[in-house]
Amino acid sequence: MKSECIHDITFSDPEAVARKVRSYIPFYNNKRKHSALGYMTPLEYEHKTAYTQ
């Protein structure tokens, strides 16, 4: 997340960092594919595992 979201960006204040991170979280959880999850998003993985147990 650090390398994709806030690395090499200069922020004016701590709240600016918080806003950037908060705006990144939906992408990270709902759209970004994770290799450790078989190239599914965390949301896809959660749905798959919740309904197969």
PDB file of N, CA and C in Angstrom:
ATOM      1  N   MET A   1       0.825  -1.187   0.000  1.00  0.00           N
ATOM      2  CA  MET A   1       0.000   0.000   0.000  1.00  0.00           C
ATOM      3  C   MET A   1       0.869   1.250   0.000  1.00  0.00           C
ATOM      4  N   LYS A   2       1.923   1.223   0.789  1.00  0.00           N
ATOM      5  CA  LYS A   2       2.792   2.399   0.856  1.00  0.00           C
ATOM      6  C   LYS A   2       3.377   2.737  -0.506  1.00  0.00           C
ATOM      7  N   SER A   3       3.887   1.738  -1.199  1.00  0.00           N
ATOM      8  CA  SER A   3       4.515   2.011  -2.493  1.00  0.00           C
ATOM      9  C   SER A   3       3.503   2.413  -3.553  1.00  0.00           C
ATOM     10  N   GLU A   4       2.269   1.959  -3.438  1.00  0.00           N
ATOM     11  CA  GLU A   4       1.252   2.285  -4.429  1.00  0.00           C
ATOM     12  C   GLU A   4       0.482   3.557  -4.113  1.00  0.00           C
ATOM     13  N   CYS A   5       0.448   3.944  -2.853  1.00  0.00           N
ATOM     14  CA  CYS A   5      -0.452   5.015  -2.444  1.00  0.00           C
ATOM     15  C   CYS A   5       0.255   6.300  -2.029  1.00  0.00           C
ATOM     16  N   ILE A   6       1.284   6.193  -1.204  1.00  0.00           N
ATOM     17  CA  ILE A   6       1.846   7.426  -0.629  1.00  0.00           C
ATOM     18  C   ILE A   6       3.342   7.619  -0.841  1.00  0.00           C
ATOM     19  N   HIS A   7       4.016   6.631  -1.402  1.00  0.00           N
ATOM     20  CA  HIS A   7       5.464   6.740  -1.608  1.00  0.00           C
ATOM     21  C   HIS A   7       5.784   7.874  -2.583  1.00  0.00           C
ATOM     22  N   ASP A   8       6.783   8.648  -2.270  1.00  0.00           N
ATOM     23  CA  ASP A   8       7.267   9.760  -3.103  1.00  0.00           C
ATOM     24  C   ASP A   8       6.266  10.901  -3.281  1.00  0.00           C
ATOM     25  N   ILE A   9       5.312  11.019  -2.382  1.00  0.00           N
ATOM     26  CA  ILE A   9       4.364  12.132  -2.418  1.00  0.00           C
ATOM     27  C   ILE A   9       4.606  12.987  -1.177  1.00  0.00           C
ATOM     28  N   THR A  10       4.651  14.281  -1.369  1.00  0.00           N
ATOM     29  CA  THR A  10       4.801  15.201  -0.245  1.00  0.00           C
ATOM     30  C   THR A  10       3.420  15.712   0.139  1.00  0.00           C
ATOM     31  N   PHE A  11       3.090  15.545   1.390  1.00  0.00           N
ATOM     32  CA  PHE A  11       1.788  15.968   1.888  1.00  0.00           C
ATOM     33  C   PHE A  11       1.940  17.215   2.744  1.00  0.00           C
ATOM     34  N   SER A  12       0.918  18.045   2.725  1.00  0.00           N
ATOM     35  CA  SER A  12       0.981  19.311   3.461  1.00  0.00           C
ATOM     36  C   SER A  12       0.725  19.145   4.951  1.00  0.00           C
ATOM     37  N   ASP A  13      -0.014  18.095   5.322  1.00  0.00           N
ATOM     38  CA  ASP A  13      -0.322  17.880   6.739  1.00  0.00           C
ATOM     39  C   ASP A  13      -0.772  16.433   6.948  1.00  0.00           C
ATOM     40  N   PRO A  14      -0.828  15.988   8.184  1.00  0.00           N
ATOM     41  CA  PRO A  14      -1.226  14.606   8.466  1.00  0.00           C
ATOM     42  C   PRO A  14      -2.630  14.261   7.951  1.00  0.00           C
ATOM     43  N   GLU A  15      -3.534  15.211   7.963  1.00  0.00           N
ATOM     44  CA  GLU A  15      -4.890  14.951   7.480  1.00  0.00           C
ATOM     45  C   GLU A  15      -4.886  14.655   5.979  1.00  0.00           C
ATOM     46  N   ALA A  16      -3.995  15.267   5.233  1.00  0.00           N
ATOM     47  CA  ALA A  16      -3.889  14.986   3.800  1.00  0.00           C
ATOM     48  C   ALA A  16      -3.463  13.538   3.565  1.00  0.00           C
ATOM     49  N   VAL A  17      -2.560  13.047   4.383  1.00  0.00           N
ATOM     50  CA  VAL A  17      -2.140  11.642   4.290  1.00  0.00           C
ATOM     51  C   VAL A  17      -3.334  10.739   4.606  1.00  0.00           C
ATOM     52  N   ALA A  18      -4.046  11.064   5.669  1.00  0.00           N
ATOM     53  CA  ALA A  18      -5.206  10.257   6.065  1.00  0.00           C
ATOM     54  C   ALA A  18      -6.262  10.228   4.964  1.00  0.00           C
ATOM     55  N   ARG A  19      -6.523  11.362   4.327  1.00  0.00           N
ATOM     56  CA  ARG A  19      -7.503  11.398   3.236  1.00  0.00           C
ATOM     57  C   ARG A  19      -7.064  10.507   2.080  1.00  0.00           C
ATOM     58  N   LYS A  20      -5.789  10.570   1.739  1.00  0.00           N
ATOM     59  CA  LYS A  20      -5.253   9.758   0.635  1.00  0.00           C
ATOM     60  C   LYS A  20      -5.398   8.266   0.942  1.00  0.00           C
ATOM     61  N   VAL A  21      -5.048   7.884   2.151  1.00  0.00           N
ATOM     62  CA  VAL A  21      -5.139   6.481   2.541  1.00  0.00           C
ATOM     63  C   VAL A  21      -6.597   6.029   2.559  1.00  0.00           C
ATOM     64  N   ARG A  22      -7.486   6.842   3.122  1.00  0.00           N
ATOM     65  CA  ARG A  22      -8.911   6.486   3.156  1.00  0.00           C
ATOM     66  C   ARG A  22      -9.479   6.332   1.745  1.00  0.00           C
ATOM     67  N   SER A  23      -9.030   7.133   0.818  1.00  0.00           N
ATOM     68  CA  SER A  23      -9.535   7.019  -0.552  1.00  0.00           C
ATOM     69  C   SER A  23      -8.960   5.800  -1.271  1.00  0.00           C
ATOM     70  N   TYR A  24      -7.824   5.305  -0.819  1.00  0.00           N
ATOM     71  CA  TYR A  24      -7.172   4.147  -1.444  1.00  0.00           C
ATOM     72  C   TYR A  24      -7.757   2.815  -0.962  1.00  0.00           C
ATOM     73  N   ILE A  25      -8.256   2.773   0.244  1.00  0.00           N
ATOM     74  CA  ILE A  25      -8.726   1.520   0.853  1.00  0.00           C
ATOM     75  C   ILE A  25      -9.812   0.837   0.020  1.00  0.00           C
ATOM     76  N   PRO A  26     -10.842   1.532  -0.483  1.00  0.00           N
ATOM     77  CA  PRO A  26     -11.837   0.827  -1.309  1.00  0.00           C
ATOM     78  C   PRO A  26     -11.225   0.173  -2.555  1.00  0.00           C
ATOM     79  N   PHE A  27     -10.290   0.843  -3.194  1.00  0.00           N
ATOM     80  CA  PHE A  27      -9.600   0.239  -4.344  1.00  0.00           C
ATOM     81  C   PHE A  27      -8.838  -1.007  -3.905  1.00  0.00           C
ATOM     82  N   TYR A  28      -8.100  -0.895  -2.815  1.00  0.00           N
ATOM     83  CA  TYR A  28      -7.270  -1.994  -2.334  1.00  0.00           C
ATOM     84  C   TYR A  28      -8.117  -3.215  -1.995  1.00  0.00           C
ATOM     85  N   ASN A  29      -9.256  -3.008  -1.367  1.00  0.00           N
ATOM     86  CA  ASN A  29     -10.087  -4.129  -0.941  1.00  0.00           C
ATOM     87  C   ASN A  29     -11.042  -4.647  -2.012  1.00  0.00           C
ATOM     88  N   ASN A  30     -11.470  -3.799  -2.921  1.00  0.00           N
ATOM     89  CA  ASN A  30     -12.528  -4.191  -3.839  1.00  0.00           C
ATOM     90  C   ASN A  30     -12.100  -4.369  -5.286  1.00  0.00           C
ATOM     91  N   LYS A  31     -10.969  -3.812  -5.691  1.00  0.00           N
ATOM     92  CA  LYS A  31     -10.588  -3.872  -7.102  1.00  0.00           C
ATOM     93  C   LYS A  31      -9.195  -4.437  -7.353  1.00  0.00           C
ATOM     94  N   ARG A  32      -8.269  -4.259  -6.427  1.00  0.00           N
ATOM     95  CA  ARG A  32      -6.889  -4.680  -6.636  1.00  0.00           C
ATOM     96  C   ARG A  32      -6.766  -6.185  -6.453  1.00  0.00           C
ATOM     97  N   LYS A  33      -6.232  -6.854  -7.461  1.00  0.00           N
ATOM     98  CA  LYS A  33      -6.022  -8.298  -7.409  1.00  0.00           C
ATOM     99  C   LYS A  33      -4.769  -8.606  -6.590  1.00  0.00           C
ATOM    100  N   HIS A  34      -4.847  -9.615  -5.738  1.00  0.00           N
ATOM    101  CA  HIS A  34      -3.736  -9.996  -4.878  1.00  0.00           C
ATOM    102  C   HIS A  34      -3.222 -11.370  -5.291  1.00  0.00           C
ATOM    103  N   SER A  35      -1.940 -11.465  -5.533  1.00  0.00           N
ATOM    104  CA  SER A  35      -1.369 -12.743  -5.959  1.00  0.00           C
ATOM    105  C   SER A  35      -1.513 -13.808  -4.877  1.00  0.00           C
ATOM    106  N   ALA A  36      -1.426 -13.419  -3.625  1.00  0.00           N
ATOM    107  CA  ALA A  36      -1.549 -14.384  -2.528  1.00  0.00           C
ATOM    108  C   ALA A  36      -2.959 -14.958  -2.416  1.00  0.00           C
ATOM    109  N   LEU A  37      -3.927 -14.295  -3.041  1.00  0.00           N
ATOM    110  CA  LEU A  37      -5.312 -14.762  -2.999  1.00  0.00           C
ATOM    111  C   LEU A  37      -5.733 -15.383  -4.330  1.00  0.00           C
ATOM    112  N   GLY A  38      -4.773 -15.816  -5.111  1.00  0.00           N
ATOM    113  CA  GLY A  38      -5.092 -16.408  -6.404  1.00  0.00           C
ATOM    114  C   GLY A  38      -5.586 -15.376  -7.399  1.00  0.00           C
ATOM    115  N   TYR A  39      -5.054 -14.185  -7.308  1.00  0.00           N
ATOM    116  CA  TYR A  39      -5.413 -13.061  -8.187  1.00  0.00           C
ATOM    117  C   TYR A  39      -6.898 -12.708  -8.117  1.00  0.00           C
ATOM    118  N   MET A  40      -7.416 -12.794  -6.896  1.00  0.00           N
ATOM    119  CA  MET A  40      -8.760 -12.298  -6.611  1.00  0.00           C
ATOM    120  C   MET A  40      -8.622 -11.073  -5.720  1.00  0.00           C
ATOM    121  N   THR A  41      -9.646 -10.255  -5.697  1.00  0.00           N
ATOM    122  CA  THR A  41      -9.649  -9.146  -4.749  1.00  0.00           C
ATOM    123  C   THR A  41      -9.967  -9.713  -3.371  1.00  0.00           C
ATOM    124  N   PRO A  42      -9.621  -9.004  -2.292  1.00  0.00           N
ATOM    125  CA  PRO A  42     -10.000  -9.484  -0.970  1.00  0.00           C
ATOM    126  C   PRO A  42     -11.512  -9.720  -0.841  1.00  0.00           C
ATOM    127  N   LEU A  43     -12.304  -8.870  -1.460  1.00  0.00           N
ATOM    128  CA  LEU A  43     -13.751  -9.032  -1.409  1.00  0.00           C
ATOM    129  C   LEU A  43     -14.186 -10.313  -2.123  1.00  0.00           C
ATOM    130  N   GLU A  44     -13.625 -10.571  -3.306  1.00  0.00           N
ATOM    131  CA  GLU A  44     -13.942 -11.810  -4.029  1.00  0.00           C
ATOM    132  C   GLU A  44     -13.535 -13.032  -3.209  1.00  0.00           C
ATOM    133  N   TYR A  45     -12.351 -12.968  -2.620  1.00  0.00           N
ATOM    134  CA  TYR A  45     -11.850 -14.084  -1.817  1.00  0.00           C
ATOM    135  C   TYR A  45     -12.744 -14.322  -0.609  1.00  0.00           C
ATOM    136  N   GLU A  46     -13.159 -13.256   0.037  1.00  0.00           N
ATOM    137  CA  GLU A  46     -14.035 -13.376   1.198  1.00  0.00           C
ATOM    138  C   GLU A  46     -15.362 -14.039   0.816  1.00  0.00           C
ATOM    139  N   HIS A  47     -15.942 -13.606  -0.288  1.00  0.00           N
ATOM    140  CA  HIS A  47     -17.192 -14.211  -0.730  1.00  0.00           C
ATOM    141  C   HIS A  47     -17.009 -15.687  -1.092  1.00  0.00           C
ATOM    142  N   LYS A  48     -15.926 -15.999  -1.762  1.00  0.00           N
ATOM    143  CA  LYS A  48     -15.682 -17.381  -2.162  1.00  0.00           C
ATOM    144  C   LYS A  48     -15.522 -18.281  -0.944  1.00  0.00           C
ATOM    145  N   THR A  49     -14.724 -17.851   0.013  1.00  0.00           N
ATOM    146  CA  THR A  49     -14.465 -18.704   1.182  1.00  0.00           C
ATOM    147  C   THR A  49     -15.657 -18.735   2.137  1.00  0.00           C
ATOM    148  N   ALA A  50     -16.427 -17.683   2.200  1.00  0.00           N
ATOM    149  CA  ALA A  50     -17.582 -17.654   3.095  1.00  0.00           C
ATOM    150  C   ALA A  50     -18.675 -18.618   2.631  1.00  0.00           C
ATOM    151  N   TYR A  51     -18.791 -18.804   1.320  1.00  0.00           N
ATOM    152  CA  TYR A  51     -19.873 -19.631   0.788  1.00  0.00           C
ATOM    153  C   TYR A  51     -19.453 -21.063   0.506  1.00  0.00           C
ATOM    154  N   THR A  52     -18.168 -21.380   0.687  1.00  0.00           N
ATOM    155  CA  THR A  52     -17.722 -22.754   0.421  1.00  0.00           C
ATOM    156  C   THR A  52     -17.465 -23.537   1.700  1.00  0.00           C
ATOM    157  N   GLN A  53     -17.701 -22.938   2.839  1.00  0.00           N
ATOM    158  CA  GLN A  53     -17.439 -23.652   4.105  1.00  0.00           C
ATOM    159  C   GLN A  53     -18.708 -24.167   4.716  1.00  0.00           C
TER     160      GLN A  53
END
